[in-house]
Amino acid sequence: MAELSWETIRQYYPDGAEGTDHTFLERAVFTHGLPSLFYGSLRDERVFERVAGRPLAACRTERVTVVDHKLGRIMTAAGYPGIFPEPGGRLECLLVHDLAPLESARIAWYEWDEYRLEHFPLSDGRTAEAFVPDVERIRRAFGAVDFEPWSFENWRAVHYDHALTDLAAWMALMPAVPHDDPRLLEDDGQDHSSAREARRHVR
């Protein structure tokens, strides 16, 4: 998700999320059926739980490396952290194997439409999926863009408290996903047993 304050959201989305969330189910790609790669704010346990609706500790995770990439941020009126090509770069990320389809839908909502789902090769030859900034969409929305380095540790030190507050308000706006939406069918080849077990404990 972009580092958007609610003041920025009101400036660039004058109708508010309520004015555009009806298109979410039509435009969103929830998952390509691959393990999910997290490089930014969703590596944080509190952010992940508030977005996905399940503790990160209840997921099957591992630390992985993405080669020939680096972390950066597209700068406009707000910042859009992402993974960008960098020959020789090595990026340590979190891989989550067992997201349930509804959890993937919640993450797609969190990332909003300035991000798109892409595939990334891992250092061991496997492939994962991650949401990354859609540069052209951001350029159309904000005009000229620039790039600068981005750090998860700096984000957590500087933006963490207000990010959690904005996150709770943002996730509360997510529209209900119909139970028969085909993207919620658990036929993507992943092991969702831990996700189902976690939901049983929550109920």
N, C-alpha and C. Protein backbone atom coordinates (compact mmCIF):
# COMPACT_ATOMS: atom_id res chain seq x y z
N MET A 1 0.85 -1.20 0.00
CA MET A 1 0.00 0.00 0.00
C MET A 1 0.88 1.24 0.00
N ALA A 2 0.42 2.26 -0.68
CA ALA A 2 1.16 3.51 -0.69
C ALA A 2 1.20 4.12 0.70
N GLU A 3 2.21 4.95 0.93
CA GLU A 3 2.30 5.68 2.19
C GLU A 3 1.41 6.91 2.08
N LEU A 4 0.11 6.67 2.08
CA LEU A 4 -0.88 7.73 1.89
C LEU A 4 -1.50 8.10 3.23
N SER A 5 -1.45 9.38 3.57
CA SER A 5 -2.22 9.86 4.70
C SER A 5 -3.66 10.05 4.23
N TRP A 6 -4.57 10.18 5.18
CA TRP A 6 -5.95 10.41 4.77
C TRP A 6 -6.11 11.77 4.11
N GLU A 7 -5.23 12.73 4.43
CA GLU A 7 -5.28 14.02 3.74
C GLU A 7 -4.95 13.84 2.26
N THR A 8 -3.94 13.00 1.95
CA THR A 8 -3.59 12.76 0.56
C THR A 8 -4.70 12.01 -0.16
N ILE A 9 -5.29 11.03 0.52
CA ILE A 9 -6.39 10.28 -0.09
C ILE A 9 -7.54 11.23 -0.46
N ARG A 10 -7.86 12.14 0.42
CA ARG A 10 -8.94 13.07 0.12
C ARG A 10 -8.59 13.98 -1.05
N GLN A 11 -7.29 14.31 -1.20
CA GLN A 11 -6.88 15.18 -2.29
C GLN A 11 -6.96 14.49 -3.64
N TYR A 12 -6.47 13.24 -3.70
CA TYR A 12 -6.36 12.56 -4.99
C TYR A 12 -7.54 11.61 -5.26
N TYR A 13 -8.33 11.32 -4.23
CA TYR A 13 -9.53 10.52 -4.41
C TYR A 13 -10.68 11.31 -3.79
N PRO A 14 -11.14 12.37 -4.43
CA PRO A 14 -12.13 13.26 -3.81
C PRO A 14 -13.43 12.55 -3.47
N ASP A 15 -13.74 11.46 -4.16
CA ASP A 15 -14.95 10.71 -3.84
C ASP A 15 -14.71 9.70 -2.73
N GLY A 16 -13.46 9.59 -2.28
CA GLY A 16 -13.13 8.64 -1.22
C GLY A 16 -13.10 7.22 -1.74
N ALA A 17 -12.61 6.33 -0.93
CA ALA A 17 -12.62 4.92 -1.31
C ALA A 17 -14.03 4.43 -1.58
N GLU A 18 -15.02 5.04 -0.86
CA GLU A 18 -16.40 4.63 -1.05
C GLU A 18 -16.87 4.87 -2.49
N GLY A 19 -16.21 5.84 -3.18
CA GLY A 19 -16.62 6.16 -4.54
C GLY A 19 -16.08 5.21 -5.58
N THR A 20 -15.10 4.38 -5.21
CA THR A 20 -14.48 3.51 -6.20
C THR A 20 -14.43 2.05 -5.78
N ASP A 21 -14.81 1.72 -4.55
CA ASP A 21 -14.63 0.35 -4.09
C ASP A 21 -15.57 -0.62 -4.79
N HIS A 22 -16.62 -0.11 -5.46
CA HIS A 22 -17.52 -1.02 -6.16
C HIS A 22 -16.83 -1.69 -7.34
N THR A 23 -15.71 -1.13 -7.81
CA THR A 23 -14.98 -1.73 -8.92
C THR A 23 -13.92 -2.73 -8.45
N PHE A 24 -13.71 -2.83 -7.17
CA PHE A 24 -12.62 -3.67 -6.65
C PHE A 24 -12.73 -5.12 -7.10
N LEU A 25 -13.91 -5.69 -6.98
CA LEU A 25 -14.07 -7.11 -7.31
C LEU A 25 -13.89 -7.37 -8.80
N GLU A 26 -14.19 -6.36 -9.64
CA GLU A 26 -14.04 -6.55 -11.07
C GLU A 26 -12.58 -6.45 -11.52
N ARG A 27 -11.82 -5.54 -10.91
CA ARG A 27 -10.48 -5.29 -11.42
C ARG A 27 -9.39 -6.07 -10.70
N ALA A 28 -9.66 -6.54 -9.49
CA ALA A 28 -8.60 -7.10 -8.66
C ALA A 28 -8.23 -8.52 -9.10
N VAL A 29 -6.93 -8.79 -9.10
CA VAL A 29 -6.42 -10.16 -9.20
C VAL A 29 -5.95 -10.53 -7.81
N PHE A 30 -6.59 -11.51 -7.22
CA PHE A 30 -6.28 -11.84 -5.84
C PHE A 30 -4.98 -12.65 -5.74
N THR A 31 -4.81 -13.62 -6.61
CA THR A 31 -3.64 -14.50 -6.54
C THR A 31 -3.45 -15.21 -7.87
N HIS A 32 -2.21 -15.58 -8.17
CA HIS A 32 -1.91 -16.43 -9.31
C HIS A 32 -1.65 -17.87 -8.85
N GLY A 33 -1.94 -18.15 -7.58
CA GLY A 33 -1.77 -19.51 -7.07
C GLY A 33 -0.35 -19.85 -6.68
N LEU A 34 0.49 -18.84 -6.50
CA LEU A 34 1.88 -19.04 -6.10
C LEU A 34 2.07 -18.60 -4.65
N PRO A 35 3.15 -19.05 -4.01
CA PRO A 35 3.45 -18.50 -2.67
C PRO A 35 3.59 -16.99 -2.75
N SER A 36 3.23 -16.31 -1.67
CA SER A 36 3.19 -14.85 -1.66
C SER A 36 4.47 -14.29 -1.06
N LEU A 37 5.05 -13.33 -1.77
CA LEU A 37 6.31 -12.71 -1.39
C LEU A 37 6.02 -11.32 -0.81
N PHE A 38 6.54 -11.08 0.39
CA PHE A 38 6.35 -9.79 1.04
C PHE A 38 7.70 -9.15 1.32
N TYR A 39 7.82 -7.89 0.91
CA TYR A 39 9.09 -7.17 1.04
C TYR A 39 8.95 -5.88 1.83
N GLY A 40 7.72 -5.44 2.08
CA GLY A 40 7.49 -4.14 2.70
C GLY A 40 6.72 -4.26 4.00
N SER A 41 5.69 -3.43 4.14
CA SER A 41 4.98 -3.32 5.42
C SER A 41 4.34 -4.63 5.87
N LEU A 42 3.97 -5.50 4.93
CA LEU A 42 3.32 -6.75 5.31
C LEU A 42 4.29 -7.75 5.94
N ARG A 43 5.57 -7.44 6.00
CA ARG A 43 6.51 -8.25 6.77
C ARG A 43 6.31 -8.04 8.27
N ASP A 44 5.65 -6.94 8.63
CA ASP A 44 5.41 -6.64 10.04
C ASP A 44 4.22 -7.46 10.55
N GLU A 45 4.36 -8.08 11.71
CA GLU A 45 3.34 -8.99 12.21
C GLU A 45 2.02 -8.29 12.46
N ARG A 46 2.05 -7.08 13.02
CA ARG A 46 0.79 -6.39 13.32
C ARG A 46 0.10 -5.94 12.04
N VAL A 47 0.87 -5.45 11.08
CA VAL A 47 0.27 -5.05 9.81
C VAL A 47 -0.32 -6.27 9.11
N PHE A 48 0.43 -7.37 9.04
CA PHE A 48 -0.05 -8.56 8.36
C PHE A 48 -1.36 -9.05 8.97
N GLU A 49 -1.44 -9.12 10.29
CA GLU A 49 -2.65 -9.64 10.92
C GLU A 49 -3.85 -8.74 10.67
N ARG A 50 -3.63 -7.42 10.70
CA ARG A 50 -4.75 -6.51 10.46
C ARG A 50 -5.22 -6.56 9.01
N VAL A 51 -4.33 -6.86 8.10
CA VAL A 51 -4.71 -6.95 6.69
C VAL A 51 -5.29 -8.31 6.37
N ALA A 52 -4.54 -9.37 6.63
CA ALA A 52 -4.96 -10.72 6.23
C ALA A 52 -6.03 -11.29 7.14
N GLY A 53 -6.07 -10.82 8.40
CA GLY A 53 -7.05 -11.36 9.34
C GLY A 53 -6.58 -12.60 10.07
N ARG A 54 -5.31 -12.91 9.98
CA ARG A 54 -4.74 -14.08 10.65
C ARG A 54 -3.33 -13.74 11.12
N PRO A 55 -2.93 -14.21 12.29
CA PRO A 55 -1.56 -13.92 12.74
C PRO A 55 -0.52 -14.49 11.79
N LEU A 56 0.53 -13.75 11.59
CA LEU A 56 1.61 -14.23 10.74
C LEU A 56 2.22 -15.50 11.29
N ALA A 57 2.24 -15.62 12.61
CA ALA A 57 2.82 -16.81 13.25
C ALA A 57 2.03 -18.07 12.93
N ALA A 58 0.76 -17.92 12.51
CA ALA A 58 -0.07 -19.08 12.17
C ALA A 58 0.12 -19.51 10.73
N CYS A 59 0.92 -18.78 9.98
CA CYS A 59 1.16 -19.09 8.58
C CYS A 59 2.45 -19.90 8.42
N ARG A 60 2.54 -20.59 7.30
CA ARG A 60 3.77 -21.31 6.97
C ARG A 60 4.65 -20.36 6.18
N THR A 61 5.75 -19.93 6.78
CA THR A 61 6.59 -18.89 6.20
C THR A 61 8.04 -19.34 6.14
N GLU A 62 8.81 -18.61 5.35
CA GLU A 62 10.26 -18.78 5.32
C GLU A 62 10.90 -17.51 4.78
N ARG A 63 12.16 -17.33 5.14
CA ARG A 63 12.93 -16.21 4.60
C ARG A 63 13.55 -16.64 3.28
N VAL A 64 13.44 -15.79 2.27
CA VAL A 64 13.96 -16.13 0.95
C VAL A 64 14.71 -14.93 0.37
N THR A 65 15.43 -15.18 -0.71
CA THR A 65 16.21 -14.14 -1.38
C THR A 65 15.75 -13.98 -2.82
N VAL A 66 15.53 -12.74 -3.22
CA VAL A 66 15.25 -12.39 -4.61
C VAL A 66 16.51 -11.75 -5.17
N VAL A 67 17.03 -12.34 -6.22
CA VAL A 67 18.29 -11.83 -6.79
C VAL A 67 18.01 -10.79 -7.88
N ASP A 68 19.01 -9.96 -8.12
CA ASP A 68 18.98 -8.93 -9.17
C ASP A 68 17.83 -7.95 -8.98
N HIS A 69 17.48 -7.68 -7.73
CA HIS A 69 16.46 -6.69 -7.41
C HIS A 69 16.86 -5.91 -6.17
N LYS A 70 16.22 -4.76 -5.98
CA LYS A 70 16.44 -3.95 -4.79
C LYS A 70 15.12 -3.32 -4.36
N LEU A 71 15.09 -2.83 -3.12
CA LEU A 71 13.95 -2.08 -2.64
C LEU A 71 14.07 -0.62 -3.06
N GLY A 72 12.95 -0.02 -3.41
CA GLY A 72 12.93 1.38 -3.74
C GLY A 72 11.54 1.94 -3.52
N ARG A 73 11.38 3.19 -3.83
CA ARG A 73 10.08 3.83 -3.63
C ARG A 73 9.85 4.82 -4.76
N ILE A 74 8.66 4.76 -5.34
CA ILE A 74 8.24 5.76 -6.32
C ILE A 74 7.70 6.95 -5.54
N MET A 75 8.26 8.11 -5.80
CA MET A 75 7.85 9.31 -5.07
C MET A 75 6.92 10.17 -5.92
N THR A 76 5.76 10.48 -5.36
CA THR A 76 4.84 11.46 -5.93
C THR A 76 4.42 12.32 -4.74
N ALA A 77 3.12 12.58 -4.61
CA ALA A 77 2.64 13.20 -3.37
C ALA A 77 2.70 12.21 -2.23
N ALA A 78 2.83 10.92 -2.58
CA ALA A 78 2.95 9.86 -1.60
C ALA A 78 4.07 8.94 -2.07
N GLY A 79 4.44 7.98 -1.23
CA GLY A 79 5.49 7.05 -1.60
C GLY A 79 4.92 5.67 -1.87
N TYR A 80 5.44 5.00 -2.91
CA TYR A 80 4.99 3.66 -3.27
C TYR A 80 6.18 2.70 -3.20
N PRO A 81 6.38 2.01 -2.08
CA PRO A 81 7.50 1.06 -1.98
C PRO A 81 7.31 -0.09 -2.96
N GLY A 82 8.43 -0.61 -3.45
CA GLY A 82 8.35 -1.71 -4.40
C GLY A 82 9.69 -2.39 -4.59
N ILE A 83 9.67 -3.45 -5.40
CA ILE A 83 10.88 -4.16 -5.81
C ILE A 83 11.21 -3.71 -7.23
N PHE A 84 12.46 -3.34 -7.45
CA PHE A 84 12.88 -2.86 -8.75
C PHE A 84 14.15 -3.58 -9.20
N PRO A 85 14.32 -3.79 -10.51
CA PRO A 85 15.50 -4.50 -11.02
C PRO A 85 16.79 -3.79 -10.63
N GLU A 86 17.78 -4.58 -10.24
CA GLU A 86 19.11 -4.08 -9.90
C GLU A 86 20.11 -5.21 -10.12
N PRO A 87 20.85 -5.19 -11.23
CA PRO A 87 21.81 -6.28 -11.49
C PRO A 87 22.75 -6.48 -10.29
N GLY A 88 22.85 -7.72 -9.86
CA GLY A 88 23.70 -8.04 -8.73
C GLY A 88 23.07 -7.84 -7.38
N GLY A 89 21.86 -7.27 -7.35
CA GLY A 89 21.20 -7.02 -6.07
C GLY A 89 20.70 -8.31 -5.43
N ARG A 90 20.58 -8.29 -4.13
CA ARG A 90 20.03 -9.42 -3.36
C ARG A 90 19.08 -8.86 -2.32
N LEU A 91 17.84 -9.31 -2.36
CA LEU A 91 16.80 -8.75 -1.51
C LEU A 91 16.21 -9.85 -0.63
N GLU A 92 16.30 -9.67 0.68
CA GLU A 92 15.74 -10.64 1.61
C GLU A 92 14.26 -10.32 1.83
N CYS A 93 13.42 -11.34 1.65
CA CYS A 93 11.97 -11.15 1.75
C CYS A 93 11.35 -12.27 2.59
N LEU A 94 10.07 -12.10 2.86
CA LEU A 94 9.30 -13.11 3.57
C LEU A 94 8.39 -13.82 2.58
N LEU A 95 8.40 -15.15 2.61
CA LEU A 95 7.55 -15.96 1.74
C LEU A 95 6.48 -16.64 2.58
N VAL A 96 5.21 -16.48 2.18
CA VAL A 96 4.09 -17.11 2.87
C VAL A 96 3.45 -18.11 1.91
N HIS A 97 3.34 -19.36 2.37
CA HIS A 97 2.92 -20.44 1.49
C HIS A 97 1.43 -20.72 1.49
N ASP A 98 0.73 -20.39 2.55
CA ASP A 98 -0.60 -20.98 2.74
C ASP A 98 -1.70 -19.95 2.93
N LEU A 99 -1.63 -18.84 2.22
CA LEU A 99 -2.72 -17.87 2.29
C LEU A 99 -3.99 -18.47 1.71
N ALA A 100 -5.08 -18.30 2.43
CA ALA A 100 -6.38 -18.68 1.90
C ALA A 100 -6.83 -17.63 0.89
N PRO A 101 -7.71 -18.00 -0.05
CA PRO A 101 -8.14 -17.04 -1.08
C PRO A 101 -8.71 -15.74 -0.52
N LEU A 102 -9.49 -15.81 0.57
CA LEU A 102 -10.04 -14.58 1.13
C LEU A 102 -8.93 -13.72 1.72
N GLU A 103 -7.91 -14.34 2.28
CA GLU A 103 -6.77 -13.58 2.78
C GLU A 103 -6.04 -12.88 1.63
N SER A 104 -5.92 -13.57 0.51
CA SER A 104 -5.32 -12.94 -0.68
C SER A 104 -6.16 -11.78 -1.16
N ALA A 105 -7.49 -11.91 -1.08
CA ALA A 105 -8.38 -10.82 -1.48
C ALA A 105 -8.19 -9.61 -0.58
N ARG A 106 -8.03 -9.84 0.71
CA ARG A 106 -7.82 -8.74 1.65
C ARG A 106 -6.49 -8.03 1.36
N ILE A 107 -5.48 -8.79 0.99
CA ILE A 107 -4.19 -8.19 0.65
C ILE A 107 -4.31 -7.38 -0.65
N ALA A 108 -5.07 -7.90 -1.62
CA ALA A 108 -5.29 -7.16 -2.86
C ALA A 108 -5.98 -5.82 -2.58
N TRP A 109 -6.94 -5.82 -1.66
CA TRP A 109 -7.60 -4.57 -1.29
C TRP A 109 -6.61 -3.61 -0.63
N TYR A 110 -5.80 -4.14 0.25
CA TYR A 110 -4.80 -3.32 0.95
C TYR A 110 -3.85 -2.64 -0.04
N GLU A 111 -3.43 -3.38 -1.04
CA GLU A 111 -2.50 -2.81 -2.02
C GLU A 111 -3.17 -1.81 -2.95
N TRP A 112 -4.46 -1.93 -3.14
CA TRP A 112 -5.26 -1.02 -3.96
C TRP A 112 -4.80 -1.09 -5.42
N ASP A 113 -5.30 -0.18 -6.26
CA ASP A 113 -5.09 -0.36 -7.70
C ASP A 113 -3.81 0.28 -8.22
N GLU A 114 -3.00 0.88 -7.33
CA GLU A 114 -1.69 1.35 -7.80
C GLU A 114 -0.65 0.24 -7.81
N TYR A 115 -1.05 -0.95 -7.39
CA TYR A 115 -0.14 -2.10 -7.38
C TYR A 115 -0.70 -3.20 -8.27
N ARG A 116 0.19 -3.98 -8.88
CA ARG A 116 -0.21 -5.11 -9.71
C ARG A 116 0.55 -6.36 -9.25
N LEU A 117 -0.01 -7.51 -9.52
CA LEU A 117 0.57 -8.77 -9.09
C LEU A 117 1.54 -9.28 -10.15
N GLU A 118 2.79 -9.51 -9.73
CA GLU A 118 3.84 -9.95 -10.64
C GLU A 118 4.53 -11.19 -10.09
N HIS A 119 5.26 -11.91 -10.98
CA HIS A 119 6.03 -13.09 -10.59
C HIS A 119 7.49 -12.70 -10.39
N PHE A 120 8.12 -13.33 -9.40
CA PHE A 120 9.54 -13.07 -9.12
C PHE A 120 10.27 -14.39 -8.91
N PRO A 121 11.44 -14.56 -9.56
CA PRO A 121 12.24 -15.77 -9.35
C PRO A 121 13.03 -15.65 -8.05
N LEU A 122 13.04 -16.73 -7.28
CA LEU A 122 13.83 -16.76 -6.05
C LEU A 122 15.21 -17.33 -6.35
N SER A 123 16.13 -17.15 -5.42
CA SER A 123 17.51 -17.57 -5.63
C SER A 123 17.65 -19.08 -5.78
N ASP A 124 16.66 -19.85 -5.28
CA ASP A 124 16.74 -21.31 -5.37
C ASP A 124 15.97 -21.87 -6.57
N GLY A 125 15.51 -20.99 -7.46
CA GLY A 125 14.84 -21.44 -8.67
C GLY A 125 13.33 -21.46 -8.60
N ARG A 126 12.75 -21.30 -7.43
CA ARG A 126 11.29 -21.26 -7.31
C ARG A 126 10.77 -19.90 -7.76
N THR A 127 9.45 -19.80 -7.92
CA THR A 127 8.81 -18.56 -8.32
C THR A 127 7.77 -18.18 -7.28
N ALA A 128 7.69 -16.90 -6.98
CA ALA A 128 6.70 -16.39 -6.04
C ALA A 128 5.97 -15.21 -6.68
N GLU A 129 4.87 -14.78 -6.06
CA GLU A 129 4.11 -13.64 -6.55
C GLU A 129 4.16 -12.52 -5.52
N ALA A 130 4.17 -11.29 -6.01
CA ALA A 130 4.19 -10.12 -5.13
C ALA A 130 3.50 -8.96 -5.81
N PHE A 131 2.86 -8.11 -5.02
CA PHE A 131 2.31 -6.87 -5.54
C PHE A 131 3.42 -5.83 -5.62
N VAL A 132 3.52 -5.19 -6.78
CA VAL A 132 4.53 -4.16 -7.00
C VAL A 132 3.84 -2.93 -7.60
N PRO A 133 4.45 -1.75 -7.45
CA PRO A 133 3.81 -0.54 -7.97
C PRO A 133 3.60 -0.61 -9.49
N ASP A 134 2.42 -0.18 -9.92
CA ASP A 134 2.11 -0.05 -11.33
C ASP A 134 2.55 1.36 -11.75
N VAL A 135 3.75 1.46 -12.30
CA VAL A 135 4.36 2.77 -12.54
C VAL A 135 3.50 3.63 -13.47
N GLU A 136 2.97 3.03 -14.52
CA GLU A 136 2.19 3.83 -15.48
C GLU A 136 0.89 4.32 -14.86
N ARG A 137 0.24 3.49 -14.08
CA ARG A 137 -1.00 3.93 -13.42
C ARG A 137 -0.71 5.08 -12.44
N ILE A 138 0.38 4.95 -11.69
CA ILE A 138 0.76 6.00 -10.75
C ILE A 138 1.09 7.29 -11.49
N ARG A 139 1.79 7.15 -12.62
CA ARG A 139 2.13 8.34 -13.41
C ARG A 139 0.87 9.04 -13.92
N ARG A 140 -0.12 8.26 -14.37
CA ARG A 140 -1.36 8.86 -14.85
C ARG A 140 -2.10 9.58 -13.73
N ALA A 141 -2.03 9.03 -12.52
CA ALA A 141 -2.77 9.61 -11.40
C ALA A 141 -2.10 10.86 -10.84
N PHE A 142 -0.76 10.84 -10.79
CA PHE A 142 -0.04 11.90 -10.08
C PHE A 142 0.84 12.77 -10.97
N GLY A 143 1.05 12.38 -12.23
CA GLY A 143 1.96 13.13 -13.07
C GLY A 143 3.37 12.58 -12.97
N ALA A 144 4.36 13.47 -12.96
CA ALA A 144 5.76 13.04 -12.92
C ALA A 144 6.06 12.23 -11.67
N VAL A 145 6.92 11.24 -11.82
CA VAL A 145 7.32 10.41 -10.68
C VAL A 145 8.83 10.41 -10.57
N ASP A 146 9.31 10.09 -9.39
CA ASP A 146 10.74 9.97 -9.14
C ASP A 146 10.96 8.72 -8.31
N PHE A 147 12.21 8.28 -8.22
CA PHE A 147 12.55 7.08 -7.47
C PHE A 147 13.58 7.41 -6.40
N GLU A 148 13.48 6.72 -5.27
CA GLU A 148 14.46 6.86 -4.22
C GLU A 148 14.56 5.55 -3.44
N PRO A 149 15.64 5.35 -2.69
CA PRO A 149 15.76 4.12 -1.89
C PRO A 149 14.66 4.04 -0.84
N TRP A 150 14.35 2.83 -0.42
CA TRP A 150 13.34 2.61 0.62
C TRP A 150 13.84 1.54 1.56
N SER A 151 13.55 1.69 2.83
CA SER A 151 13.99 0.75 3.85
C SER A 151 12.83 0.35 4.73
N PHE A 152 12.62 -0.94 4.92
CA PHE A 152 11.59 -1.43 5.82
C PHE A 152 11.85 -0.94 7.24
N GLU A 153 13.10 -0.97 7.66
CA GLU A 153 13.44 -0.55 9.02
C GLU A 153 13.16 0.94 9.22
N ASN A 154 13.47 1.77 8.22
CA ASN A 154 13.19 3.20 8.34
C ASN A 154 11.69 3.46 8.33
N TRP A 155 10.96 2.74 7.47
CA TRP A 155 9.50 2.89 7.46
C TRP A 155 8.92 2.59 8.83
N ARG A 156 9.37 1.52 9.44
CA ARG A 156 8.81 1.13 10.75
C ARG A 156 9.19 2.14 11.82
N ALA A 157 10.38 2.74 11.71
CA ALA A 157 10.81 3.71 12.72
C ALA A 157 10.09 5.04 12.58
N VAL A 158 9.74 5.43 11.34
CA VAL A 158 9.22 6.78 11.10
C VAL A 158 7.70 6.80 10.92
N HIS A 159 7.15 5.81 10.21
CA HIS A 159 5.74 5.88 9.79
C HIS A 159 4.82 4.90 10.50
N TYR A 160 5.35 4.08 11.37
CA TYR A 160 4.62 2.90 11.86
C TYR A 160 3.32 3.26 12.57
N ASP A 161 3.37 4.19 13.52
CA ASP A 161 2.19 4.46 14.35
C ASP A 161 1.02 4.96 13.52
N HIS A 162 1.26 5.98 12.67
CA HIS A 162 0.13 6.49 11.89
C HIS A 162 -0.29 5.50 10.81
N ALA A 163 0.66 4.64 10.36
CA ALA A 163 0.30 3.63 9.36
C ALA A 163 -0.70 2.64 9.93
N LEU A 164 -0.53 2.24 11.18
CA LEU A 164 -1.48 1.31 11.80
C LEU A 164 -2.86 1.93 11.94
N THR A 165 -2.91 3.21 12.28
CA THR A 165 -4.20 3.89 12.40
C THR A 165 -4.89 4.00 11.05
N ASP A 166 -4.16 4.43 10.02
CA ASP A 166 -4.74 4.54 8.69
C ASP A 166 -5.14 3.17 8.16
N LEU A 167 -4.35 2.15 8.48
CA LEU A 167 -4.63 0.81 8.00
C LEU A 167 -5.97 0.30 8.52
N ALA A 168 -6.24 0.50 9.79
CA ALA A 168 -7.50 0.03 10.35
C ALA A 168 -8.69 0.68 9.65
N ALA A 169 -8.58 1.99 9.38
CA ALA A 169 -9.67 2.69 8.69
C ALA A 169 -9.81 2.20 7.25
N TRP A 170 -8.68 1.96 6.60
CA TRP A 170 -8.71 1.52 5.20
C TRP A 170 -9.33 0.14 5.06
N MET A 171 -8.93 -0.81 5.90
CA MET A 171 -9.45 -2.17 5.78
C MET A 171 -10.93 -2.23 6.11
N ALA A 172 -11.39 -1.32 6.94
CA ALA A 172 -12.82 -1.30 7.28
C ALA A 172 -13.68 -0.94 6.08
N LEU A 173 -13.09 -0.33 5.05
CA LEU A 173 -13.83 0.06 3.86
C LEU A 173 -13.93 -1.04 2.82
N MET A 174 -13.24 -2.15 3.03
CA MET A 174 -13.23 -3.21 2.02
C MET A 174 -14.63 -3.77 1.80
N PRO A 175 -15.06 -3.86 0.55
CA PRO A 175 -16.40 -4.43 0.28
C PRO A 175 -16.42 -5.92 0.54
N ALA A 176 -17.59 -6.43 0.85
CA ALA A 176 -17.73 -7.86 1.08
C ALA A 176 -17.49 -8.62 -0.22
N VAL A 177 -16.76 -9.73 -0.14
CA VAL A 177 -16.49 -10.56 -1.30
C VAL A 177 -17.53 -11.69 -1.31
N PRO A 178 -18.31 -11.83 -2.38
CA PRO A 178 -19.30 -12.91 -2.42
C PRO A 178 -18.66 -14.27 -2.22
N HIS A 179 -19.33 -15.13 -1.44
CA HIS A 179 -18.74 -16.44 -1.12
C HIS A 179 -18.57 -17.30 -2.35
N ASP A 180 -19.34 -17.01 -3.43
CA ASP A 180 -19.23 -17.82 -4.64
C ASP A 180 -18.33 -17.18 -5.69
N ASP A 181 -17.59 -16.13 -5.31
CA ASP A 181 -16.63 -15.54 -6.25
C ASP A 181 -15.63 -16.63 -6.63
N PRO A 182 -15.41 -16.88 -7.93
CA PRO A 182 -14.53 -17.99 -8.33
C PRO A 182 -13.11 -17.83 -7.82
N ARG A 183 -12.71 -16.60 -7.51
CA ARG A 183 -11.34 -16.40 -7.00
C ARG A 183 -11.20 -16.84 -5.55
N LEU A 184 -12.30 -17.20 -4.91
CA LEU A 184 -12.24 -17.68 -3.54
C LEU A 184 -12.25 -19.20 -3.45
N LEU A 185 -12.29 -19.87 -4.58
CA LEU A 185 -12.26 -21.33 -4.57
C LEU A 185 -10.85 -21.78 -4.27
N GLU A 186 -10.69 -22.69 -3.31
CA GLU A 186 -9.37 -23.12 -2.86
C GLU A 186 -8.86 -24.26 -3.74
N ASP A 187 -8.64 -23.94 -5.03
CA ASP A 187 -8.17 -24.96 -5.97
C ASP A 187 -6.88 -24.52 -6.65
N ASP A 188 -6.09 -23.69 -5.93
CA ASP A 188 -4.90 -23.12 -6.54
C ASP A 188 -3.65 -23.96 -6.31
N GLY A 189 -3.79 -25.13 -5.72
CA GLY A 189 -2.65 -26.02 -5.56
C GLY A 189 -1.84 -25.77 -4.30
N GLN A 190 -2.18 -24.75 -3.53
CA GLN A 190 -1.46 -24.48 -2.30
C GLN A 190 -2.07 -25.23 -1.14
N ASP A 191 -1.29 -25.39 -0.08
CA ASP A 191 -1.74 -26.06 1.14
C ASP A 191 -2.34 -25.02 2.06
N HIS A 192 -3.68 -25.06 2.21
CA HIS A 192 -4.37 -24.09 3.05
C HIS A 192 -4.77 -24.68 4.39
N SER A 193 -4.20 -25.81 4.79
CA SER A 193 -4.62 -26.48 6.01
C SER A 193 -4.42 -25.59 7.24
N SER A 194 -3.29 -24.88 7.32
CA SER A 194 -3.05 -24.03 8.48
C SER A 194 -4.00 -22.84 8.49
N ALA A 195 -4.38 -22.34 7.30
CA ALA A 195 -5.35 -21.25 7.24
C ALA A 195 -6.71 -21.72 7.74
N ARG A 196 -7.12 -22.92 7.33
CA ARG A 196 -8.40 -23.44 7.80
C ARG A 196 -8.37 -23.70 9.29
N GLU A 197 -7.25 -24.19 9.79
CA GLU A 197 -7.13 -24.45 11.22
C GLU A 197 -7.21 -23.15 12.01
N ALA A 198 -6.55 -22.11 11.51
CA ALA A 198 -6.59 -20.81 12.19
C ALA A 198 -8.01 -20.27 12.22
N ARG A 199 -8.77 -20.45 11.13
CA ARG A 199 -10.15 -19.94 11.11
C ARG A 199 -11.01 -20.70 12.11
N ARG A 200 -10.75 -22.00 12.29
CA ARG A 200 -11.53 -22.75 13.27
C ARG A 200 -11.29 -22.23 14.68
N HIS A 201 -10.06 -21.81 14.98
CA HIS A 201 -9.77 -21.29 16.31
C HIS A 201 -10.34 -19.92 16.53
N VAL A 202 -10.50 -19.15 15.43
CA VAL A 202 -11.06 -17.81 15.55
C VAL A 202 -12.55 -17.84 15.79
N ARG A 203 -13.22 -18.82 15.22
CA ARG A 203 -14.68 -18.88 15.32
C ARG A 203 -15.13 -19.20 16.75
